[in-house]
Structures are given as C-alpha cells and as structure tokens.
C-alpha cells in the first residue's frame, strides 16, 4: 500500500493531508452536500422509501448520473468463474506448499486461502487466526451515499459468510474518475466515503486508512480484517445429507438497478414496459438499494446459534455460481438442489421479458451484496428463519436441500419464484 491515508474525521469529512491542497470552499460544499444527503433517509426494517438523489440540490447538472462513470456495474465486473479458477492456479500451487494447518495446544487450526470468501491465516500467537477479505466494484446506483454503504456492506459480507460477526478494522479503496469535474468530485466522493464509513460504524468497525487513486472509472471498496479464536468462525465444509439451504436476501438486484437506468433509455424501456410500470421499477430499485446496503451480521450471528454447517454470500457469480463453489468445498459427498427462488417483486417478469440477458431463474444473474446461502440442519432451519425475521424484520427462505452427490449444485427445471414482498403495503418498502 503506497500510503496510509487517514480518511475520516469525526465529522465525516476527508482529513486534510499535508501534501494535499484542499480549498476551503470545496470542503464547505462537500459538507453541505453530505448534510443534505444524509438527511434524506429513514433507517430500520420498515424503511420509508428513500428520497432519490437529486443532483440539482448539490448544484450538479440535472442529468448527472453516477453510474455513467464506469462501463460495467456492480458485481458485473467479475472475471468469469471458470477463467478466474484457471488464472488462480499458479497462486494456488504456491499456497499448497505451505502447511495446511497450524497447531495450538495440539489442536489443528485451519488455513484457508484462495477460492473462499475470506482467507484464514493462523497467527504465531496463542491460537488466534487472522481473517481477511477484500472487494471493490463500480457504481451501480445513482446515490453516492448509498453506493458507499453498499460497497462497505459487500466487503463485510465475506467475513459474515464465515460466521465472523466482529470486524476489527477496515481500509477503504477508492478511485476518483478522471472524467469527473472538480465540482462533481467534491460533491460525490465525500458522500461515497461517508456512506462507507457509516456502514463500517454500524458494523462496529472503523475505517483507519486505505488508498485513493485517479482512474478512468470510479471504483469503491475496501479490506476487512479481524483476529479470531477458532470458535468465532465456521469453516464452510461440513454440509451433510438432509441439511437444507437457507437464503437471507432476495435475488434480482442486478435486474432492478438495470431496469431503473432504462427509465432514461426509451429503446430499453420499451422492452419491459409491458410487464412493469415506472412505479414498480422505482420501488424495486429502492428495495434493491435497501437490501444491498443491509449487513449480513445478524445472519452470521444466528449461524452459530442454529449450528450451521457452512455458508457463502451470493454476489457476482449469481446464486448458482456461489452454490457450486460452496458444494465443491464440502468434505462429504453431497450436492445441493435448489427449488425456490425469492426475487425482488416484479423482477422475475422483467428478467423474462429481456430474454436470456440476466439468466436470473437459471441462477447466473450477478448480485451485489446479496444474502447468505447457509447449510443448516433440517430441524433448525425454520427456527433460524423465524429468528432472523424477529430480530431484523426481514424474511429468510428455505430454498433447497443437500442430498448425496458429487459436490455439485443445480436449480431444478421449473423453480418456484417467490415474489418479495408477496403483497404491496402503502408507504412501506417491504
């Protein structure tokens, strides 16, 4: 890392470095922008619909769109899974030369590396392990503050997928687009940073540094690090025949953010307007933003309570891609079969109207900061779903089963689509 940039003061504004010349007027503009933006949302599970980001309120052009500062969006920037596995072979070979386990008090402490959600590295000291993950991506929503929250939530999800609920430290990775004007930069970047920082605080962590560069495309992400005892993480390799698969967030985020952008593009909008209204799309977009910015922390905590046998988070490779990756990692000869697909309301119809573009019902549609896909004992799964809804106000679903097999995953030919929410409630998001 080129330098350790201290990002945020208590007030949430970028800290002035000795080598940075920052005009006081720009700082004042940024503070005003952040104040305007942060006043616009209401928290909680029954979230009121967030006021859309208004560029003109920040003296930006009415046509300003954050998503135009990258040609790919969200998790759609992922290198295809089969190509990635091939590219990583060289690294994997080096990792295999190292001891698979360290030992403390005659207990094996696992070492997990490439291919899983987080790396787990045994430390030299007292049976502790370093759990670490990193992720970044391009803008996929127009609201810079929400984009920051989503990016942070997405980074933390890889810890939560391992059952880790505490994050000791976060770094922020940021690229400012060379195509932004100074005014756009001074409004948008502090808001993104503030969203990232607020999400980290919500997770009980802090942002202590990072790296900021110029780049043709705007990017935001980070690194999440924690030090754990062995009982604080769940190695995702212990699924047994008879387990069920639980998903903690609905699918369809990529469809929702694309559909929302198509409101500005008549030729695209004409493809889907027969199956969905503008109001439907705006609401789906709000639901997607709410879902993507929500931490999987409660889900991770409950994995311990209900004896989960392993989990992953559903992101850029889609539900099926991540299910296959999890299945491949199992010690037992098992396979996953998925029967149910919870989807943000109306987005299954939009995906269908777009032909083969998203492959949502085939499980290939990229998600951003998606839910946890968890292997749970059959007798514990219903209680898990009930508990998470009681604590968070959000549903989780039993979507499939673990059967005897050769470590693969599949979705049945005609899965049941569960519309989320099943019924619209006036003035409520879910």
Protein backbone atom coordinates (compact mmCIF):
# COMPACT_ATOMS: atom_id res chain seq x y z
CA UNK A 1 0.00 0.00 0.00
CA UNK A 2 1.54 3.26 -1.11
CA UNK A 3 0.50 5.20 1.94
CA UNK A 4 -1.83 5.00 4.88
CA UNK A 5 -4.40 7.66 4.19
CA UNK A 6 -6.46 8.59 7.24
CA UNK A 7 -9.81 9.08 5.60
CA UNK A 8 -12.28 10.50 8.02
CA UNK A 9 -12.52 12.86 10.91
CA UNK A 10 -15.26 12.58 13.50
CA UNK A 11 -17.35 14.93 11.36
CA UNK A 12 -17.15 12.56 8.42
CA UNK A 13 -15.16 14.78 6.07
CA UNK A 14 -11.94 13.73 4.32
CA UNK A 15 -8.93 14.51 6.50
CA UNK A 16 -6.62 17.15 5.07
CA UNK A 17 -3.18 15.69 4.37
CA UNK A 18 -0.06 17.90 4.46
CA UNK A 19 0.62 17.12 0.81
CA UNK A 20 -2.95 17.86 -0.27
CA UNK A 21 -4.10 21.37 -1.04
CA UNK A 22 -7.83 21.45 -0.47
CA UNK A 23 -9.75 24.65 -0.95
CA UNK A 24 -11.93 25.64 1.97
CA UNK A 25 -14.85 26.35 -0.36
CA UNK A 26 -14.71 22.79 -1.72
CA UNK A 27 -14.79 21.45 1.84
CA UNK A 28 -17.77 23.62 2.66
CA UNK A 29 -19.55 22.40 -0.48
CA UNK A 30 -18.82 18.79 0.43
CA UNK A 31 -20.09 19.26 3.99
CA UNK A 32 -23.27 20.89 2.72
CA UNK A 33 -23.75 18.05 0.20
CA UNK A 34 -23.26 15.37 2.86
CA UNK A 35 -25.67 17.11 5.26
CA UNK A 36 -28.31 17.36 2.53
CA UNK A 37 -27.92 13.74 1.55
CA UNK A 38 -27.77 12.10 4.94
CA UNK A 39 -30.95 13.86 5.98
CA UNK A 40 -32.80 12.06 3.21
CA UNK A 41 -33.31 8.56 4.53
CA UNK A 42 -35.08 6.79 7.37
CA UNK A 43 -33.47 3.70 8.92
CA UNK A 44 -34.99 0.47 10.13
CA UNK A 45 -36.53 -2.61 8.57
CA UNK A 46 -39.79 -0.91 7.63
CA UNK A 47 -37.69 1.68 5.80
CA UNK A 48 -39.65 4.53 4.30
CA UNK A 49 -38.78 4.99 0.64
CA UNK A 50 -35.55 6.97 0.48
CA UNK A 51 -35.67 10.37 -1.21
CA UNK A 52 -34.00 9.91 -4.61
CA UNK A 53 -30.59 11.54 -5.02
CA UNK A 54 -31.18 14.97 -6.58
CA UNK A 55 -28.09 16.27 -8.41
CA UNK A 56 -29.51 19.80 -8.62
CA UNK A 57 -29.71 20.03 -4.82
CA UNK A 58 -25.90 19.81 -4.90
CA UNK A 59 -25.52 22.30 -7.80
CA UNK A 60 -24.78 19.48 -10.23
CA UNK A 61 -26.31 19.13 -13.68
CA UNK A 62 -29.80 17.58 -13.59
CA UNK A 63 -28.55 14.83 -15.93
CA UNK A 64 -25.68 13.80 -13.63
CA UNK A 65 -25.60 10.01 -13.24
CA UNK A 66 -23.00 8.31 -11.05
CA UNK A 67 -23.36 5.04 -12.98
CA UNK A 68 -22.03 6.71 -16.13
CA UNK A 69 -18.55 6.83 -14.61
CA UNK A 70 -17.97 3.14 -15.40
CA UNK A 71 -18.92 0.93 -18.33
CA UNK A 72 -19.59 -2.11 -16.13
CA UNK A 73 -21.61 -2.01 -12.95
CA UNK A 74 -21.51 -3.63 -9.55
CA UNK A 75 -20.59 -7.30 -9.50
CA UNK A 76 -20.97 -7.42 -13.29
CA UNK A 77 -17.26 -6.55 -13.33
CA UNK A 78 -16.29 -10.05 -12.18
CA UNK A 79 -13.94 -12.18 -14.28
CA UNK A 80 -15.99 -15.30 -15.28
CA UNK A 81 -15.66 -18.05 -12.70
CA UNK A 82 -14.09 -20.71 -14.93
CA UNK A 83 -11.48 -18.22 -16.22
CA UNK A 84 -10.73 -16.99 -12.70
CA UNK A 85 -10.11 -20.51 -11.40
CA UNK A 86 -7.62 -21.08 -14.21
CA UNK A 87 -5.85 -17.76 -13.57
CA UNK A 88 -5.53 -18.58 -9.87
CA UNK A 89 -3.89 -21.96 -10.43
CA UNK A 90 -0.38 -20.51 -10.11
CA UNK A 91 -1.18 -18.87 -6.79
CA UNK A 92 -2.92 -22.00 -5.54
CA UNK A 93 0.17 -24.12 -6.23
CA UNK A 94 2.29 -21.84 -4.03
CA UNK A 95 -0.31 -21.96 -1.27
CA UNK A 96 -0.40 -25.77 -1.36
CA UNK A 97 3.30 -25.94 -0.47
CA UNK A 98 2.52 -24.40 2.91
CA UNK A 99 1.33 -26.49 5.85
CA UNK A 100 -2.42 -26.98 5.67
CA UNK A 101 -2.87 -26.45 9.41
CA UNK A 102 -1.06 -24.75 12.21
CA UNK A 103 -1.29 -26.23 15.70
CA UNK A 104 -2.02 -24.74 19.09
CA UNK A 105 -2.35 -26.83 22.27
CA UNK A 106 -2.38 -29.92 19.99
CA UNK A 107 -5.45 -28.59 18.14
CA UNK A 108 -5.32 -28.11 14.37
CA UNK A 109 -6.07 -24.54 13.31
CA UNK A 110 -7.24 -24.46 9.68
CA UNK A 111 -5.61 -22.35 6.99
CA UNK A 112 -7.99 -21.24 4.25
CA UNK A 113 -6.86 -19.32 1.21
CA UNK A 114 -7.76 -18.85 -2.42
CA UNK A 115 -11.29 -19.53 -3.62
CA UNK A 116 -13.18 -19.00 -0.37
CA UNK A 117 -14.95 -15.88 0.87
CA UNK A 118 -12.20 -14.92 3.33
CA UNK A 119 -8.66 -16.05 3.97
CA UNK A 120 -7.97 -17.56 7.40
CA UNK A 121 -4.33 -17.43 8.49
CA UNK A 122 -3.15 -18.93 11.78
CA UNK A 123 -1.10 -16.36 13.70
CA UNK A 124 2.07 -17.06 15.64
CA UNK A 125 0.37 -16.02 18.86
CA UNK A 126 -1.86 -18.03 21.15
CA UNK A 127 -4.17 -19.95 18.81
CA UNK A 128 -5.53 -16.84 17.08
CA UNK A 129 -6.30 -16.54 13.37
CA UNK A 130 -6.30 -13.55 11.03
CA UNK A 131 -9.47 -13.45 8.93
CA UNK A 132 -9.29 -11.08 6.00
CA UNK A 133 -11.12 -10.20 2.79
CA UNK A 134 -11.09 -7.51 0.12
CA UNK A 135 -13.52 -6.39 -2.58
CA UNK A 136 -14.27 -3.37 -4.74
CA UNK A 137 -16.53 -2.53 -7.66
CA UNK A 138 -18.00 0.18 -9.85
CA UNK A 139 -21.06 2.40 -9.24
CA UNK A 140 -24.35 0.61 -9.69
CA UNK A 141 -26.72 3.12 -8.04
CA UNK A 142 -27.07 6.87 -8.60
CA UNK A 143 -26.96 7.87 -4.93
CA UNK A 144 -23.29 8.29 -3.88
CA UNK A 145 -24.01 7.89 -0.16
CA UNK A 146 -25.87 4.61 -0.74
CA UNK A 147 -23.14 3.46 -3.12
CA UNK A 148 -20.64 3.87 -0.27
CA UNK A 149 -22.85 1.91 2.14
CA UNK A 150 -23.39 -0.89 -0.38
CA UNK A 151 -19.65 -1.16 -1.06
CA UNK A 152 -18.85 -1.46 2.65
CA UNK A 153 -21.66 -3.94 3.29
CA UNK A 154 -20.41 -6.03 0.38
CA UNK A 155 -16.86 -6.19 1.77
CA UNK A 156 -18.09 -7.20 5.23
CA UNK A 157 -20.33 -9.94 3.81
CA UNK A 158 -17.31 -12.15 3.13
CA UNK A 159 -16.49 -12.13 6.86
CA UNK A 160 -20.11 -12.81 7.77
CA UNK A 161 -20.19 -15.77 5.36
CA UNK A 162 -17.54 -17.41 7.57
CA UNK A 163 -19.71 -16.85 10.65
CA UNK A 164 -17.43 -14.00 11.79
CA UNK A 165 -19.51 -11.23 13.38
CA UNK A 166 -16.85 -8.76 14.54
CA UNK A 167 -14.63 -6.72 12.21
CA UNK A 168 -11.60 -5.16 13.91
CA UNK A 169 -10.51 -2.84 11.11
CA UNK A 170 -11.42 -1.63 7.63
CA UNK A 171 -9.45 0.06 4.85
CA UNK A 172 -11.13 1.95 2.01
CA UNK A 173 -10.07 1.58 -1.61
CA UNK A 174 -11.22 4.44 -3.81
CA UNK A 175 -10.71 5.55 -7.40
CA UNK A 176 -11.86 9.00 -8.46
CA UNK A 177 -12.91 9.07 -12.11
CA UNK A 178 -10.74 11.24 -14.38
CA UNK A 179 -13.99 12.13 -16.18
CA UNK A 180 -15.44 13.91 -13.15
CA UNK A 181 -15.33 17.68 -12.98
CA UNK A 182 -13.87 19.16 -9.80
CA UNK A 183 -17.37 20.08 -8.66
CA UNK A 184 -18.66 16.54 -9.26
CA UNK A 185 -15.65 15.10 -7.43
CA UNK A 186 -16.07 17.42 -4.45
CA UNK A 187 -19.76 16.52 -4.06
CA UNK A 188 -19.77 12.82 -4.90
CA UNK A 189 -16.59 11.44 -3.35
CA UNK A 190 -17.18 12.73 0.23
CA UNK A 191 -20.70 11.28 0.10
CA UNK A 192 -19.42 7.87 -1.00
CA UNK A 193 -16.78 7.94 1.73
CA UNK A 194 -19.36 8.96 4.30
CA UNK A 195 -21.67 6.10 3.29
CA UNK A 196 -18.79 3.62 3.57
CA UNK A 197 -17.76 4.98 6.96
CA UNK A 198 -21.34 4.98 8.34
CA UNK A 199 -21.79 1.34 7.32
CA UNK A 200 -18.48 0.40 8.98
CA UNK A 201 -19.63 2.11 12.19
CA UNK A 202 -22.95 0.25 12.01
CA UNK A 203 -20.90 -2.97 11.84
CA UNK A 204 -18.94 -1.96 14.95
CA UNK A 205 -15.78 -1.29 12.96
CA UNK A 206 -13.75 1.74 11.89
CA UNK A 207 -12.01 2.87 8.71
CA UNK A 208 -8.38 3.61 9.55
CA UNK A 209 -6.76 4.05 6.15
CA UNK A 210 -6.69 2.96 2.54
CA UNK A 211 -5.65 4.11 -0.91
CA UNK A 212 -7.08 6.72 -3.27
CA UNK A 213 -6.12 6.95 -6.94
CA UNK A 214 -7.29 8.54 -10.17
CA UNK A 215 -8.79 6.12 -12.69
CA UNK A 216 -10.94 6.36 -15.84
CA UNK A 217 -13.70 4.51 -13.95
CA UNK A 218 -14.92 5.34 -10.45
CA UNK A 219 -14.45 2.44 -8.00
CA UNK A 220 -15.07 1.92 -4.31
CA UNK A 221 -14.38 -0.99 -1.99
CA UNK A 222 -12.12 -1.97 0.84
CA UNK A 223 -10.44 -4.51 3.08
CA UNK A 224 -11.98 -6.04 6.21
CA UNK A 225 -9.74 -7.61 8.84
CA UNK A 226 -10.39 -9.35 12.14
CA UNK A 227 -8.49 -11.51 14.61
CA UNK A 228 -10.46 -14.54 15.82
CA UNK A 229 -10.41 -17.51 18.11
CA UNK A 230 -11.30 -20.83 16.41
CA UNK A 231 -14.87 -20.84 17.80
CA UNK A 232 -15.61 -17.48 16.15
CA UNK A 233 -15.58 -18.73 12.56
CA UNK A 234 -17.35 -21.59 10.79
CA UNK A 235 -15.35 -23.46 8.15
CA UNK A 236 -17.75 -23.87 5.20
CA UNK A 237 -17.14 -27.58 4.57
CA UNK A 238 -19.44 -29.63 6.80
CA UNK A 239 -22.78 -29.98 4.96
CA UNK A 240 -24.45 -33.38 5.41
CA UNK A 241 -27.20 -35.20 3.54
CA UNK A 242 -30.54 -33.96 4.87
CA UNK A 243 -29.41 -30.36 5.51
CA UNK A 244 -31.44 -27.57 3.94
CA UNK A 245 -30.28 -24.41 2.17
CA UNK A 246 -31.41 -21.04 3.53
CA UNK A 247 -31.07 -17.68 1.72
CA UNK A 248 -31.24 -14.43 3.71
CA UNK A 249 -31.85 -11.83 0.97
CA UNK A 250 -33.95 -11.87 -2.22
CA UNK A 251 -32.37 -12.14 -5.67
CA UNK A 252 -32.82 -9.66 -8.53
CA UNK A 253 -30.64 -6.70 -7.52
CA UNK A 254 -28.90 -6.57 -10.91
CA UNK A 255 -32.22 -6.65 -12.74
CA UNK A 256 -33.59 -3.86 -10.54
CA UNK A 257 -30.65 -1.46 -10.99
CA UNK A 258 -30.60 -2.06 -14.75
CA UNK A 259 -34.35 -1.55 -15.09
CA UNK A 260 -34.02 1.72 -13.16
CA UNK A 261 -31.37 3.01 -15.57
CA UNK A 262 -33.58 2.06 -18.50
CA UNK A 263 -36.16 4.64 -17.38
CA UNK A 264 -33.80 7.12 -19.13
CA UNK A 265 -33.38 4.92 -22.23
CA UNK A 266 -36.59 4.64 -24.32
CA UNK A 267 -35.33 1.80 -26.55
CA UNK A 268 -34.55 -0.34 -23.46
CA UNK A 269 -37.64 0.74 -21.53
CA UNK A 270 -39.87 -0.32 -24.43
CA UNK A 271 -38.69 -3.92 -23.95
CA UNK A 272 -40.03 -4.14 -20.41
CA UNK A 273 -42.84 -1.57 -20.10
CA UNK A 274 -45.50 -4.19 -20.91
CA UNK A 275 -44.64 -6.20 -17.79
CA UNK A 276 -43.76 -3.46 -15.29
CA UNK A 277 -44.73 0.15 -14.51
CA UNK A 278 -42.36 3.03 -13.80
CA UNK A 279 -43.56 3.00 -10.19
CA UNK A 280 -42.82 -0.75 -9.95
CA UNK A 281 -39.27 -0.15 -11.20
CA UNK A 282 -38.62 2.74 -8.83
CA UNK A 283 -39.82 0.67 -5.90
CA UNK A 284 -37.75 -2.36 -6.95
CA UNK A 285 -34.70 -0.08 -7.16
CA UNK A 286 -35.35 1.23 -3.65
CA UNK A 287 -35.75 -2.35 -2.40
CA UNK A 288 -32.53 -3.39 -4.10
CA UNK A 289 -30.63 -0.47 -2.51
CA UNK A 290 -32.06 -1.27 0.91
CA UNK A 291 -31.18 -4.95 0.56
CA UNK A 292 -27.66 -4.36 -0.76
CA UNK A 293 -26.80 -1.88 2.00
CA UNK A 294 -28.07 -4.18 4.77
CA UNK A 295 -25.44 -6.05 6.77
CA UNK A 296 -25.49 -9.84 6.96
CA UNK A 297 -24.29 -9.58 10.56
CA UNK A 298 -27.42 -10.92 12.26
CA UNK A 299 -27.49 -13.81 9.78
CA UNK A 300 -23.88 -14.63 10.70
CA UNK A 301 -24.58 -14.47 14.44
CA UNK A 302 -27.51 -16.85 14.10
CA UNK A 303 -25.37 -19.34 12.13
CA UNK A 304 -23.67 -20.17 15.44
CA UNK A 305 -26.95 -20.41 17.39
CA UNK A 306 -28.51 -22.82 14.88
CA UNK A 307 -25.42 -24.94 14.17
CA UNK A 308 -24.79 -24.01 10.53
CA UNK A 309 -22.56 -26.41 8.59
CA UNK A 310 -21.19 -23.71 6.29
CA UNK A 311 -22.19 -20.71 4.20
CA UNK A 312 -21.22 -18.34 1.42
CA UNK A 313 -22.53 -14.96 0.32
CA UNK A 314 -24.30 -14.57 -3.02
CA UNK A 315 -22.59 -11.94 -5.14
CA UNK A 316 -21.07 -11.65 -8.62
CA UNK A 317 -21.28 -15.27 -9.76
CA UNK A 318 -25.01 -15.44 -9.02
CA UNK A 319 -26.84 -17.89 -6.78
CA UNK A 320 -25.83 -20.99 -8.73
CA UNK A 321 -22.17 -19.97 -9.13
CA UNK A 322 -21.74 -19.45 -5.40
CA UNK A 323 -23.74 -22.59 -4.55
CA UNK A 324 -21.42 -24.60 -6.82
CA UNK A 325 -18.35 -23.08 -5.20
CA UNK A 326 -19.69 -23.97 -1.73
CA UNK A 327 -20.62 -27.51 -2.81
CA UNK A 328 -17.13 -28.07 -4.26
CA UNK A 329 -15.62 -27.28 -0.86
CA UNK A 330 -17.57 -29.89 1.15
CA UNK A 331 -15.82 -32.77 2.96
CA UNK A 332 -18.76 -35.11 2.46
CA UNK A 333 -20.01 -36.38 -0.90
CA UNK A 334 -23.03 -34.11 -1.18
CA UNK A 335 -24.79 -31.97 -3.77
CA UNK A 336 -27.15 -29.01 -3.48
CA UNK A 337 -30.54 -28.86 -5.18
CA UNK A 338 -32.35 -25.51 -5.27
CA UNK A 339 -36.16 -25.45 -5.65
CA UNK A 340 -37.20 -21.91 -4.63
CA UNK A 341 -36.02 -18.50 -5.85
CA UNK A 342 -37.03 -15.48 -3.72
CA UNK A 343 -36.89 -12.48 -6.07
CA UNK A 344 -37.50 -8.74 -5.59
CA UNK A 345 -41.14 -8.21 -6.66
CA UNK A 346 -41.72 -7.89 -10.44
CA UNK A 347 -38.06 -8.51 -11.31
CA UNK A 348 -38.62 -12.11 -12.46
CA UNK A 349 -41.07 -10.78 -15.06
CA UNK A 350 -38.58 -8.10 -16.16
CA UNK A 351 -35.81 -10.69 -16.49
CA UNK A 352 -38.09 -12.92 -18.57
CA UNK A 353 -39.04 -10.01 -20.86
CA UNK A 354 -35.32 -9.45 -21.52
CA UNK A 355 -34.83 -12.96 -22.92
CA UNK A 356 -31.54 -14.50 -21.93
CA UNK A 357 -29.85 -11.30 -20.78
CA UNK A 358 -29.84 -11.83 -17.00
CA UNK A 359 -30.40 -15.59 -16.62
CA UNK A 360 -31.98 -14.83 -13.25
CA UNK A 361 -34.05 -18.03 -13.00
CA UNK A 362 -31.03 -20.07 -14.12
CA UNK A 363 -29.08 -18.69 -11.14
CA UNK A 364 -26.47 -16.79 -13.14
CA UNK A 365 -27.65 -13.20 -12.59
CA UNK A 366 -24.97 -11.27 -10.69
CA UNK A 367 -25.98 -9.99 -7.27
CA UNK A 368 -24.27 -7.27 -5.29
CA UNK A 369 -24.02 -7.57 -1.51
CA UNK A 370 -26.50 -10.44 -1.63
CA UNK A 371 -27.68 -12.70 1.15
CA UNK A 372 -26.00 -15.57 2.95
CA UNK A 373 -26.58 -19.03 1.47
CA UNK A 374 -26.39 -21.30 4.51
CA UNK A 375 -26.37 -25.09 5.03
CA UNK A 376 -28.43 -25.72 8.16
CA UNK A 377 -29.66 -28.89 9.88
CA UNK A 378 -33.22 -29.53 8.67
CA UNK A 379 -34.67 -29.32 12.18
CA UNK A 380 -33.02 -25.92 12.83
CA UNK A 381 -33.78 -24.10 9.56
CA UNK A 382 -37.35 -22.96 10.24
CA UNK A 383 -36.30 -21.62 13.66
CA UNK A 384 -33.39 -19.76 12.02
CA UNK A 385 -35.74 -18.07 9.53
CA UNK A 386 -38.21 -17.16 12.27
CA UNK A 387 -35.44 -15.75 14.49
CA UNK A 388 -33.84 -13.58 11.79
CA UNK A 389 -37.25 -12.12 10.88
CA UNK A 390 -37.96 -11.41 14.55
CA UNK A 391 -34.62 -9.65 15.01
CA UNK A 392 -34.34 -7.78 11.71
CA UNK A 393 -37.86 -7.54 10.32
CA UNK A 394 -36.65 -9.16 7.09
CA UNK A 395 -37.51 -12.62 5.78
CA UNK A 396 -35.19 -15.54 5.04
CA UNK A 397 -36.23 -18.56 2.96
CA UNK A 398 -35.56 -22.29 2.77
CA UNK A 399 -34.64 -22.62 -0.91
CA UNK A 400 -33.21 -26.12 -1.32
CA UNK A 401 -31.80 -29.34 0.08
CA UNK A 402 -28.50 -31.15 0.49
CA UNK A 403 -28.54 -34.65 -0.97
CA UNK A 404 -25.97 -37.36 -1.67
CA UNK A 405 -23.90 -36.40 -4.70
CA UNK A 406 -20.58 -35.40 -6.21
CA UNK A 407 -20.18 -31.87 -4.81
CA UNK A 408 -22.22 -30.02 -7.42
CA UNK A 409 -25.20 -27.66 -7.27
CA UNK A 410 -28.20 -27.27 -9.56
CA UNK A 411 -31.50 -25.43 -9.81
CA UNK A 412 -34.50 -27.59 -10.80
CA UNK A 413 -36.04 -27.01 -14.24
CA UNK A 414 -39.05 -25.05 -13.03
CA UNK A 415 -38.16 -23.45 -9.69
CA UNK A 416 -40.86 -21.73 -7.65
CA UNK A 417 -40.44 -17.95 -7.82
CA UNK A 418 -41.30 -16.25 -4.52
CA UNK A 419 -42.20 -12.57 -5.03
CA UNK A 420 -40.66 -10.40 -2.29
CA UNK A 421 -42.69 -8.87 -0.79
CA UNK A 422 -45.74 -11.01 -1.60
CA UNK A 423 -48.06 -8.01 -1.10
CA UNK A 424 -47.53 -4.27 -1.50
CA UNK A 425 -48.08 -2.17 1.62
CA UNK A 426 -48.80 1.53 1.22
CA UNK A 427 -45.85 3.67 2.32
CA UNK A 428 -43.67 0.66 3.18
CA UNK A 429 -40.78 -0.80 1.24
CA UNK A 430 -41.21 -4.43 2.27
